[in-house]
Structures are given as structure tokens and as C-alpha cells.
């Protein structure tokens, strides 16, 4: 049988987006903050999830999301860092 199209659900099927995001976050913490602590992950994931909900509800813009989630994370864990730099490094990772 000849198929005209083949569709793949890449996110969560072919690619583990959540594992990749966690690894990028760990790498970025090491590169920008100079350290990574396992306790950072649940704090960031909670803040990140809320930020995405705020975006979907129209409370913040995509541009605001890129740095706001990291500013809130830094405040929650008592770290001083540049959210712009962290965001750029995170996206590159």
C-alpha cells in the first residue's frame, strides 16, 4: 500500500522533551550559576509550569516567559544571576 503521508508524534514519542529540558537546566545551572543542586529541579519545574499557564491564559507574553521563570527561580533559591544570560544558555543547551 502506498502512503501519501506519515505523521509522527515527535514530542513525547520520538523525543523525550522533559528529559532534554531537565538536562539543559542542569547544564545551564553549572555553566551560569557555577553549581547545580538536585533540589533546584522541583522548584524550577513548579515555577516553569506556572509561567506556561500564565502564558496560555494571556497573563504574560512569550517574551516575558523567557526570563520571568528564571527570575522567579533565582528568587526562590536565593541566587543572584542574569535571567537573560541564563535563558539564552538554557535555550542553546
PDB file of N, CA and C in Angstrom:
ATOM      1  N   UNK A   1       0.843  -1.179   0.000  1.00  0.00           N
ATOM      2  CA  UNK A   1       0.000   0.000   0.000  1.00  0.00           C
ATOM      3  C   UNK A   1       0.891   1.245   0.000  1.00  0.00           C
ATOM      4  N   UNK A   2       0.544   2.213  -0.798  1.00  0.00           N
ATOM      5  CA  UNK A   2       1.301   3.463  -0.879  1.00  0.00           C
ATOM      6  C   UNK A   2       0.652   4.501   0.040  1.00  0.00           C
ATOM      7  N   UNK A   3       1.500   5.118   0.841  1.00  0.00           N
ATOM      8  CA  UNK A   3       1.018   6.150   1.758  1.00  0.00           C
ATOM      9  C   UNK A   3       1.434   7.518   1.244  1.00  0.00           C
ATOM     10  N   UNK A   4       0.523   8.463   1.305  1.00  0.00           N
ATOM     11  CA  UNK A   4       0.826   9.829   0.899  1.00  0.00           C
ATOM     12  C   UNK A   4       1.486  10.623   2.014  1.00  0.00           C
ATOM     13  N   UNK A   5       1.156  10.279   3.237  1.00  0.00           N
ATOM     14  CA  UNK A   5       1.696  10.988   4.396  1.00  0.00           C
ATOM     15  C   UNK A   5       1.982  10.001   5.531  1.00  0.00           C
ATOM     16  N   UNK A   6       2.989  10.278   6.291  1.00  0.00           N
ATOM     17  CA  UNK A   6       3.269   9.548   7.516  1.00  0.00           C
ATOM     18  C   UNK A   6       3.488  10.601   8.601  1.00  0.00           C
ATOM     19  N   UNK A   7       2.685  10.547   9.637  1.00  0.00           N
ATOM     20  CA  UNK A   7       2.779  11.523  10.730  1.00  0.00           C
ATOM     21  C   UNK A   7       3.378  10.868  11.968  1.00  0.00           C
ATOM     22  N   UNK A   8       4.257  11.588  12.637  1.00  0.00           N
ATOM     23  CA  UNK A   8       4.852  11.127  13.877  1.00  0.00           C
ATOM     24  C   UNK A   8       4.553  12.138  14.971  1.00  0.00           C
ATOM     25  N   UNK A   9       4.233  11.642  16.135  1.00  0.00           N
ATOM     26  CA  UNK A   9       4.095  12.493  17.314  1.00  0.00           C
ATOM     27  C   UNK A   9       5.470  12.542  17.963  1.00  0.00           C
ATOM     28  N   UNK A  10       6.270  13.500  17.557  1.00  0.00           N
ATOM     29  CA  UNK A  10       7.667  13.548  18.000  1.00  0.00           C
ATOM     30  C   UNK A  10       7.790  13.887  19.478  1.00  0.00           C
ATOM     31  N   UNK A  11       7.021  14.844  19.971  1.00  0.00           N
ATOM     32  CA  UNK A  11       7.141  15.301  21.352  1.00  0.00           C
ATOM     33  C   UNK A  11       6.562  14.246  22.292  1.00  0.00           C
ATOM     34  N   UNK A  12       7.433  13.601  23.045  1.00  0.00           N
ATOM     35  CA  UNK A  12       6.990  12.582  23.980  1.00  0.00           C
ATOM     36  C   UNK A  12       6.971  11.180  23.401  1.00  0.00           C
ATOM     37  N   UNK A  13       7.156  11.061  22.099  1.00  0.00           N
ATOM     38  CA  UNK A  13       7.192   9.747  21.462  1.00  0.00           C
ATOM     39  C   UNK A  13       8.592   9.481  20.926  1.00  0.00           C
ATOM     40  N   UNK A  14       9.027  10.267  19.970  1.00  0.00           N
ATOM     41  CA  UNK A  14      10.372  10.122  19.420  1.00  0.00           C
ATOM     42  C   UNK A  14      11.405  10.876  20.243  1.00  0.00           C
ATOM     43  N   UNK A  15      10.985  11.965  20.864  1.00  0.00           N
ATOM     44  CA  UNK A  15      11.881  12.793  21.659  1.00  0.00           C
ATOM     45  C   UNK A  15      11.329  12.909  23.074  1.00  0.00           C
ATOM     46  N   UNK A  16      12.191  12.785  24.053  1.00  0.00           N
ATOM     47  CA  UNK A  16      11.775  12.963  25.446  1.00  0.00           C
ATOM     48  C   UNK A  16      12.054  14.413  25.827  1.00  0.00           C
ATOM     49  N   UNK A  17      11.085  15.277  25.553  1.00  0.00           N
ATOM     50  CA  UNK A  17      11.239  16.706  25.771  1.00  0.00           C
ATOM     51  C   UNK A  17      11.559  17.021  27.230  1.00  0.00           C
ATOM     52  N   UNK A  18      10.877  16.339  28.155  1.00  0.00           N
ATOM     53  CA  UNK A  18      11.078  16.643  29.572  1.00  0.00           C
ATOM     54  C   UNK A  18      12.490  16.271  30.035  1.00  0.00           C
ATOM     55  N   UNK A  19      12.999  15.145  29.570  1.00  0.00           N
ATOM     56  CA  UNK A  19      14.371  14.756  29.933  1.00  0.00           C
ATOM     57  C   UNK A  19      15.375  15.736  29.333  1.00  0.00           C
ATOM     58  N   UNK A  20      15.138  16.154  28.107  1.00  0.00           N
ATOM     59  CA  UNK A  20      16.040  17.120  27.463  1.00  0.00           C
ATOM     60  C   UNK A  20      16.011  18.460  28.195  1.00  0.00           C
ATOM     61  N   UNK A  21      14.822  18.891  28.614  1.00  0.00           N
ATOM     62  CA  UNK A  21      14.698  20.162  29.347  1.00  0.00           C
ATOM     63  C   UNK A  21      15.410  20.085  30.690  1.00  0.00           C
ATOM     64  N   UNK A  22      15.268  18.945  31.391  1.00  0.00           N
ATOM     65  CA  UNK A  22      15.958  18.789  32.677  1.00  0.00           C
ATOM     66  C   UNK A  22      17.471  18.816  32.497  1.00  0.00           C
ATOM     67  N   UNK A  23      17.970  18.136  31.453  1.00  0.00           N
ATOM     68  CA  UNK A  23      19.411  18.124  31.217  1.00  0.00           C
ATOM     69  C   UNK A  23      19.908  19.521  30.859  1.00  0.00           C
ATOM     70  N   UNK A  24      19.159  20.232  30.027  1.00  0.00           N
ATOM     71  CA  UNK A  24      19.540  21.605  29.673  1.00  0.00           C
ATOM     72  C   UNK A  24      19.558  22.490  30.913  1.00  0.00           C
ATOM     73  N   UNK A  25      18.589  22.300  31.796  1.00  0.00           N
ATOM     74  CA  UNK A  25      18.537  23.088  33.028  1.00  0.00           C
ATOM     75  C   UNK A  25      19.745  22.785  33.911  1.00  0.00           C
ATOM     76  N   UNK A  26      20.058  21.490  34.093  1.00  0.00           N
ATOM     77  CA  UNK A  26      21.233  21.112  34.896  1.00  0.00           C
ATOM     78  C   UNK A  26      22.510  21.707  34.313  1.00  0.00           C
ATOM     79  N   UNK A  27      22.680  21.563  33.004  1.00  0.00           N
ATOM     80  CA  UNK A  27      23.879  22.087  32.346  1.00  0.00           C
ATOM     81  C   UNK A  27      23.977  23.603  32.505  1.00  0.00           C
ATOM     82  N   UNK A  28      22.850  24.277  32.342  1.00  0.00           N
ATOM     83  CA  UNK A  28      22.840  25.737  32.438  1.00  0.00           C
ATOM     84  C   UNK A  28      23.154  26.203  33.849  1.00  0.00           C
ATOM     85  N   UNK A  29      22.623  25.521  34.845  1.00  0.00           N
ATOM     86  CA  UNK A  29      22.959  25.873  36.227  1.00  0.00           C
ATOM     87  C   UNK A  29      24.465  25.788  36.436  1.00  0.00           C
ATOM     88  N   UNK A  30      25.069  24.723  35.954  1.00  0.00           N
ATOM     89  CA  UNK A  30      26.514  24.576  36.098  1.00  0.00           C
ATOM     90  C   UNK A  30      27.283  25.661  35.372  1.00  0.00           C
ATOM     91  N   UNK A  31      26.846  25.992  34.170  1.00  0.00           N
ATOM     92  CA  UNK A  31      27.554  26.978  33.351  1.00  0.00           C
ATOM     93  C   UNK A  31      27.366  28.410  33.857  1.00  0.00           C
ATOM     94  N   UNK A  32      26.160  28.763  34.234  1.00  0.00           N
ATOM     95  CA  UNK A  32      25.867  30.157  34.601  1.00  0.00           C
ATOM     96  C   UNK A  32      25.975  30.393  36.108  1.00  0.00           C
ATOM     97  N   UNK A  33      25.467  29.463  36.896  1.00  0.00           N
ATOM     98  CA  UNK A  33      25.479  29.645  38.351  1.00  0.00           C
ATOM     99  C   UNK A  33      26.741  29.076  38.996  1.00  0.00           C
ATOM    100  N   UNK A  34      27.435  28.220  38.261  1.00  0.00           N
ATOM    101  CA  UNK A  34      28.624  27.592  38.809  1.00  0.00           C
ATOM    102  C   UNK A  34      28.337  26.393  39.681  1.00  0.00           C
ATOM    103  N   UNK A  35      27.069  26.027  39.784  1.00  0.00           N
ATOM    104  CA  UNK A  35      26.692  24.847  40.575  1.00  0.00           C
ATOM    105  C   UNK A  35      25.289  24.389  40.203  1.00  0.00           C
ATOM    106  N   UNK A  36      25.052  23.109  40.429  1.00  0.00           N
ATOM    107  CA  UNK A  36      23.718  22.544  40.278  1.00  0.00           C
ATOM    108  C   UNK A  36      23.413  21.762  41.541  1.00  0.00           C
ATOM    109  N   UNK A  37      22.206  21.935  42.054  1.00  0.00           N
ATOM    110  CA  UNK A  37      21.747  21.165  43.208  1.00  0.00           C
ATOM    111  C   UNK A  37      20.471  20.435  42.801  1.00  0.00           C
ATOM    112  N   UNK A  38      20.356  19.143  43.117  1.00  0.00           N
ATOM    113  CA  UNK A  38      19.155  18.395  42.736  1.00  0.00           C
ATOM    114  C   UNK A  38      17.853  19.057  43.185  1.00  0.00           C
ATOM    115  N   UNK A  39      17.883  19.755  44.317  1.00  0.00           N
ATOM    116  CA  UNK A  39      16.687  20.438  44.813  1.00  0.00           C
ATOM    117  C   UNK A  39      16.227  21.580  43.931  1.00  0.00           C
ATOM    118  N   UNK A  40      17.091  22.032  43.025  1.00  0.00           N
ATOM    119  CA  UNK A  40      16.703  23.095  42.095  1.00  0.00           C
ATOM    120  C   UNK A  40      15.595  22.636  41.143  1.00  0.00           C
ATOM    121  N   UNK A  41      15.630  21.353  40.759  1.00  0.00           N
ATOM    122  CA  UNK A  41      14.718  20.859  39.710  1.00  0.00           C
ATOM    123  C   UNK A  41      13.251  21.011  40.091  1.00  0.00           C
ATOM    124  N   UNK A  42      12.800  20.505  41.239  1.00  0.00           N
ATOM    125  CA  UNK A  42      11.363  20.657  41.539  1.00  0.00           C
ATOM    126  C   UNK A  42      10.934  22.113  41.700  1.00  0.00           C
ATOM    127  N   UNK A  43      11.825  22.945  42.213  1.00  0.00           N
ATOM    128  CA  UNK A  43      11.497  24.366  42.367  1.00  0.00           C
ATOM    129  C   UNK A  43      11.299  24.988  40.989  1.00  0.00           C
ATOM    130  N   UNK A  44      12.266  24.761  40.090  1.00  0.00           N
ATOM    131  CA  UNK A  44      12.160  25.318  38.739  1.00  0.00           C
ATOM    132  C   UNK A  44      10.957  24.751  37.996  1.00  0.00           C
ATOM    133  N   UNK A  45      10.727  23.450  38.076  1.00  0.00           N
ATOM    134  CA  UNK A  45       9.609  22.848  37.330  1.00  0.00           C
ATOM    135  C   UNK A  45       8.266  23.416  37.772  1.00  0.00           C
ATOM    136  N   UNK A  46       8.113  23.658  39.079  1.00  0.00           N
ATOM    137  CA  UNK A  46       6.860  24.259  39.577  1.00  0.00           C
ATOM    138  C   UNK A  46       6.692  25.670  39.026  1.00  0.00           C
ATOM    139  N   UNK A  47       7.758  26.456  39.089  1.00  0.00           N
ATOM    140  CA  UNK A  47       7.716  27.836  38.598  1.00  0.00           C
ATOM    141  C   UNK A  47       7.511  27.864  37.092  1.00  0.00           C
ATOM    142  N   UNK A  48       8.199  27.002  36.376  1.00  0.00           N
ATOM    143  CA  UNK A  48       8.081  26.946  34.917  1.00  0.00           C
ATOM    144  C   UNK A  48       6.664  26.564  34.491  1.00  0.00           C
ATOM    145  N   UNK A  49       6.088  25.581  35.169  1.00  0.00           N
ATOM    146  CA  UNK A  49       4.721  25.168  34.844  1.00  0.00           C
ATOM    147  C   UNK A  49       3.739  26.329  35.034  1.00  0.00           C
ATOM    148  N   UNK A  50       3.894  27.066  36.125  1.00  0.00           N
ATOM    149  CA  UNK A  50       3.020  28.216  36.370  1.00  0.00           C
ATOM    150  C   UNK A  50       3.228  29.288  35.313  1.00  0.00           C
ATOM    151  N   UNK A  51       4.476  29.509  34.919  1.00  0.00           N
ATOM    152  CA  UNK A  51       4.755  30.517  33.887  1.00  0.00           C
ATOM    153  C   UNK A  51       4.088  30.147  32.569  1.00  0.00           C
ATOM    154  N   UNK A  52       4.137  28.860  32.204  1.00  0.00           N
ATOM    155  CA  UNK A  52       3.472  28.425  30.961  1.00  0.00           C
ATOM    156  C   UNK A  52       1.958  28.570  31.069  1.00  0.00           C
ATOM    157  N   UNK A  53       1.399  28.308  32.247  1.00  0.00           N
ATOM    158  CA  UNK A  53      -0.039  28.512  32.445  1.00  0.00           C
ATOM    159  C   UNK A  53      -0.384  29.990  32.319  1.00  0.00           C
ATOM    160  N   UNK A  54       0.471  30.855  32.845  1.00  0.00           N
ATOM    161  CA  UNK A  54       0.254  32.297  32.724  1.00  0.00           C
ATOM    162  C   UNK A  54       0.316  32.730  31.258  1.00  0.00           C
ATOM    163  N   UNK A  55       1.225  32.154  30.502  1.00  0.00           N
ATOM    164  CA  UNK A  55       1.312  32.463  29.064  1.00  0.00           C
ATOM    165  C   UNK A  55       0.038  32.027  28.351  1.00  0.00           C
ATOM    166  N   UNK A  56      -0.386  30.799  28.605  1.00  0.00           N
ATOM    167  CA  UNK A  56      -1.584  30.267  27.942  1.00  0.00           C
ATOM    168  C   UNK A  56      -2.833  31.060  28.302  1.00  0.00           C
ATOM    169  N   UNK A  57      -2.871  31.621  29.506  1.00  0.00           N
ATOM    170  CA  UNK A  57      -4.021  32.413  29.949  1.00  0.00           C
ATOM    171  C   UNK A  57      -3.917  33.869  29.514  1.00  0.00           C
ATOM    172  N   UNK A  58      -2.802  34.233  28.873  1.00  0.00           N
ATOM    173  CA  UNK A  58      -2.635  35.601  28.401  1.00  0.00           C
ATOM    174  C   UNK A  58      -2.163  36.584  29.468  1.00  0.00           C
ATOM    175  N   UNK A  59      -1.718  36.081  30.619  1.00  0.00           N
ATOM    176  CA  UNK A  59      -1.258  36.965  31.695  1.00  0.00           C
ATOM    177  C   UNK A  59       0.162  37.474  31.466  1.00  0.00           C
ATOM    178  N   UNK A  60       0.951  36.734  30.687  1.00  0.00           N
ATOM    179  CA  UNK A  60       2.298  37.170  30.319  1.00  0.00           C
ATOM    180  C   UNK A  60       2.522  36.855  28.843  1.00  0.00           C
ATOM    181  N   UNK A  61       3.502  37.512  28.256  1.00  0.00           N
ATOM    182  CA  UNK A  61       3.845  37.258  26.849  1.00  0.00           C
ATOM    183  C   UNK A  61       4.943  36.201  26.769  1.00  0.00           C
ATOM    184  N   UNK A  62       5.155  35.686  25.572  1.00  0.00           N
ATOM    185  CA  UNK A  62       6.228  34.711  25.355  1.00  0.00           C
ATOM    186  C   UNK A  62       7.583  35.326  25.698  1.00  0.00           C
ATOM    187  N   UNK A  63       7.747  36.597  25.379  1.00  0.00           N
ATOM    188  CA  UNK A  63       9.000  37.284  25.701  1.00  0.00           C
ATOM    189  C   UNK A  63       9.204  37.345  27.218  1.00  0.00           C
ATOM    190  N   UNK A  64       8.141  37.644  27.949  1.00  0.00           N
ATOM    191  CA  UNK A  64       8.236  37.707  29.408  1.00  0.00           C
ATOM    192  C   UNK A  64       8.538  36.321  29.989  1.00  0.00           C
ATOM    193  N   UNK A  65       7.945  35.289  29.413  1.00  0.00           N
ATOM    194  CA  UNK A  65       8.153  33.923  29.883  1.00  0.00           C
ATOM    195  C   UNK A  65       9.630  33.564  29.879  1.00  0.00           C
ATOM    196  N   UNK A  66      10.338  33.960  28.838  1.00  0.00           N
ATOM    197  CA  UNK A  66      11.740  33.566  28.660  1.00  0.00           C
ATOM    198  C   UNK A  66      12.618  33.941  29.851  1.00  0.00           C
ATOM    199  N   UNK A  67      12.335  35.066  30.502  1.00  0.00           N
ATOM    200  CA  UNK A  67      13.182  35.455  31.632  1.00  0.00           C
ATOM    201  C   UNK A  67      12.455  35.386  32.979  1.00  0.00           C
ATOM    202  N   UNK A  68      11.147  35.607  32.976  1.00  0.00           N
ATOM    203  CA  UNK A  68      10.395  35.633  34.239  1.00  0.00           C
ATOM    204  C   UNK A  68      10.558  34.331  35.019  1.00  0.00           C
ATOM    205  N   UNK A  69      10.485  33.197  34.326  1.00  0.00           N
ATOM    206  CA  UNK A  69      10.587  31.911  35.022  1.00  0.00           C
ATOM    207  C   UNK A  69      11.933  31.765  35.725  1.00  0.00           C
ATOM    208  N   UNK A  70      12.976  32.327  35.127  1.00  0.00           N
ATOM    209  CA  UNK A  70      14.296  32.232  35.755  1.00  0.00           C
ATOM    210  C   UNK A  70      14.448  33.262  36.871  1.00  0.00           C
ATOM    211  N   UNK A  71      13.931  34.464  36.694  1.00  0.00           N
ATOM    212  CA  UNK A  71      13.944  35.450  37.783  1.00  0.00           C
ATOM    213  C   UNK A  71      13.235  34.895  39.016  1.00  0.00           C
ATOM    214  N   UNK A  72      12.078  34.265  38.815  1.00  0.00           N
ATOM    215  CA  UNK A  72      11.318  33.697  39.931  1.00  0.00           C
ATOM    216  C   UNK A  72      12.080  32.530  40.562  1.00  0.00           C
ATOM    217  N   UNK A  73      12.716  31.718  39.738  1.00  0.00           N
ATOM    218  CA  UNK A  73      13.528  30.615  40.251  1.00  0.00           C
ATOM    219  C   UNK A  73      14.683  31.145  41.090  1.00  0.00           C
ATOM    220  N   UNK A  74      15.402  32.136  40.582  1.00  0.00           N
ATOM    221  CA  UNK A  74      16.530  32.701  41.326  1.00  0.00           C
ATOM    222  C   UNK A  74      16.070  33.221  42.691  1.00  0.00           C
ATOM    223  N   UNK A  75      14.951  33.927  42.708  1.00  0.00           N
ATOM    224  CA  UNK A  75      14.421  34.454  43.970  1.00  0.00           C
ATOM    225  C   UNK A  75      14.061  33.318  44.928  1.00  0.00           C
ATOM    226  N   UNK A  76      13.491  32.251  44.399  1.00  0.00           N
ATOM    227  CA  UNK A  76      13.056  31.132  45.241  1.00  0.00           C
ATOM    228  C   UNK A  76      14.226  30.390  45.883  1.00  0.00           C
ATOM    229  N   UNK A  77      15.359  30.317  45.179  1.00  0.00           N
ATOM    230  CA  UNK A  77      16.508  29.576  45.723  1.00  0.00           C
ATOM    231  C   UNK A  77      17.590  30.496  46.276  1.00  0.00           C
ATOM    232  N   UNK A  78      17.351  31.799  46.262  1.00  0.00           N
ATOM    233  CA  UNK A  78      18.293  32.746  46.830  1.00  0.00           C
ATOM    234  C   UNK A  78      19.572  32.928  46.036  1.00  0.00           C
ATOM    235  N   UNK A  79      19.425  32.971  44.723  1.00  0.00           N
ATOM    236  CA  UNK A  79      20.580  33.122  43.832  1.00  0.00           C
ATOM    237  C   UNK A  79      20.458  34.454  43.088  1.00  0.00           C
ATOM    238  N   UNK A  80      21.571  35.113  42.882  1.00  0.00           N
ATOM    239  CA  UNK A  80      21.602  36.314  42.068  1.00  0.00           C
ATOM    240  C   UNK A  80      22.251  35.955  40.734  1.00  0.00           C
ATOM    241  N   UNK A  81      21.515  36.144  39.647  1.00  0.00           N
ATOM    242  CA  UNK A  81      22.046  35.816  38.320  1.00  0.00           C
ATOM    243  C   UNK A  81      21.290  36.617  37.275  1.00  0.00           C
ATOM    244  N   UNK A  82      21.840  36.652  36.078  1.00  0.00           N
ATOM    245  CA  UNK A  82      21.256  37.367  34.942  1.00  0.00           C
ATOM    246  C   UNK A  82      20.304  36.430  34.201  1.00  0.00           C
ATOM    247  N   UNK A  83      19.010  36.719  34.285  1.00  0.00           N
ATOM    248  CA  UNK A  83      17.999  35.860  33.661  1.00  0.00           C
ATOM    249  C   UNK A  83      18.128  35.837  32.141  1.00  0.00           C
ATOM    250  N   UNK A  84      18.543  36.935  31.538  1.00  0.00           N
ATOM    251  CA  UNK A  84      18.738  36.970  30.074  1.00  0.00           C
ATOM    252  C   UNK A  84      19.826  35.978  29.662  1.00  0.00           C
ATOM    253  N   UNK A  85      20.946  36.025  30.375  1.00  0.00           N
ATOM    254  CA  UNK A  85      22.054  35.110  30.060  1.00  0.00           C
ATOM    255  C   UNK A  85      21.641  33.668  30.328  1.00  0.00           C
ATOM    256  N   UNK A  86      20.973  33.432  31.447  1.00  0.00           N
ATOM    257  CA  UNK A  86      20.546  32.084  31.788  1.00  0.00           C
ATOM    258  C   UNK A  86      19.613  31.547  30.715  1.00  0.00           C
ATOM    259  N   UNK A  87      18.656  32.359  30.303  1.00  0.00           N
ATOM    260  CA  UNK A  87      17.691  31.952  29.287  1.00  0.00           C
ATOM    261  C   UNK A  87      18.381  31.614  27.965  1.00  0.00           C
ATOM    262  N   UNK A  88      19.296  32.461  27.534  1.00  0.00           N
ATOM    263  CA  UNK A  88      20.000  32.208  26.264  1.00  0.00           C
ATOM    264  C   UNK A  88      20.815  30.926  26.335  1.00  0.00           C
ATOM    265  N   UNK A  89      21.472  30.707  27.466  1.00  0.00           N
ATOM    266  CA  UNK A  89      22.279  29.498  27.627  1.00  0.00           C
ATOM    267  C   UNK A  89      21.393  28.265  27.694  1.00  0.00           C
ATOM    268  N   UNK A  90      20.279  28.374  28.418  1.00  0.00           N
ATOM    269  CA  UNK A  90      19.321  27.271  28.521  1.00  0.00           C
ATOM    270  C   UNK A  90      18.789  26.873  27.140  1.00  0.00           C
ATOM    271  N   UNK A  91      18.403  27.851  26.356  1.00  0.00           N
ATOM    272  CA  UNK A  91      17.880  27.552  25.013  1.00  0.00           C
ATOM    273  C   UNK A  91      18.950  26.932  24.122  1.00  0.00           C
ATOM    274  N   UNK A  92      20.196  27.378  24.259  1.00  0.00           N
ATOM    275  CA  UNK A  92      21.285  26.803  23.479  1.00  0.00           C
ATOM    276  C   UNK A  92      21.552  25.348  23.890  1.00  0.00           C
ATOM    277  N   UNK A  93      21.423  25.091  25.190  1.00  0.00           N
ATOM    278  CA  UNK A  93      21.642  23.715  25.688  1.00  0.00           C
ATOM    279  C   UNK A  93      20.516  22.802  25.268  1.00  0.00           C
TER     280      UNK A  93
END
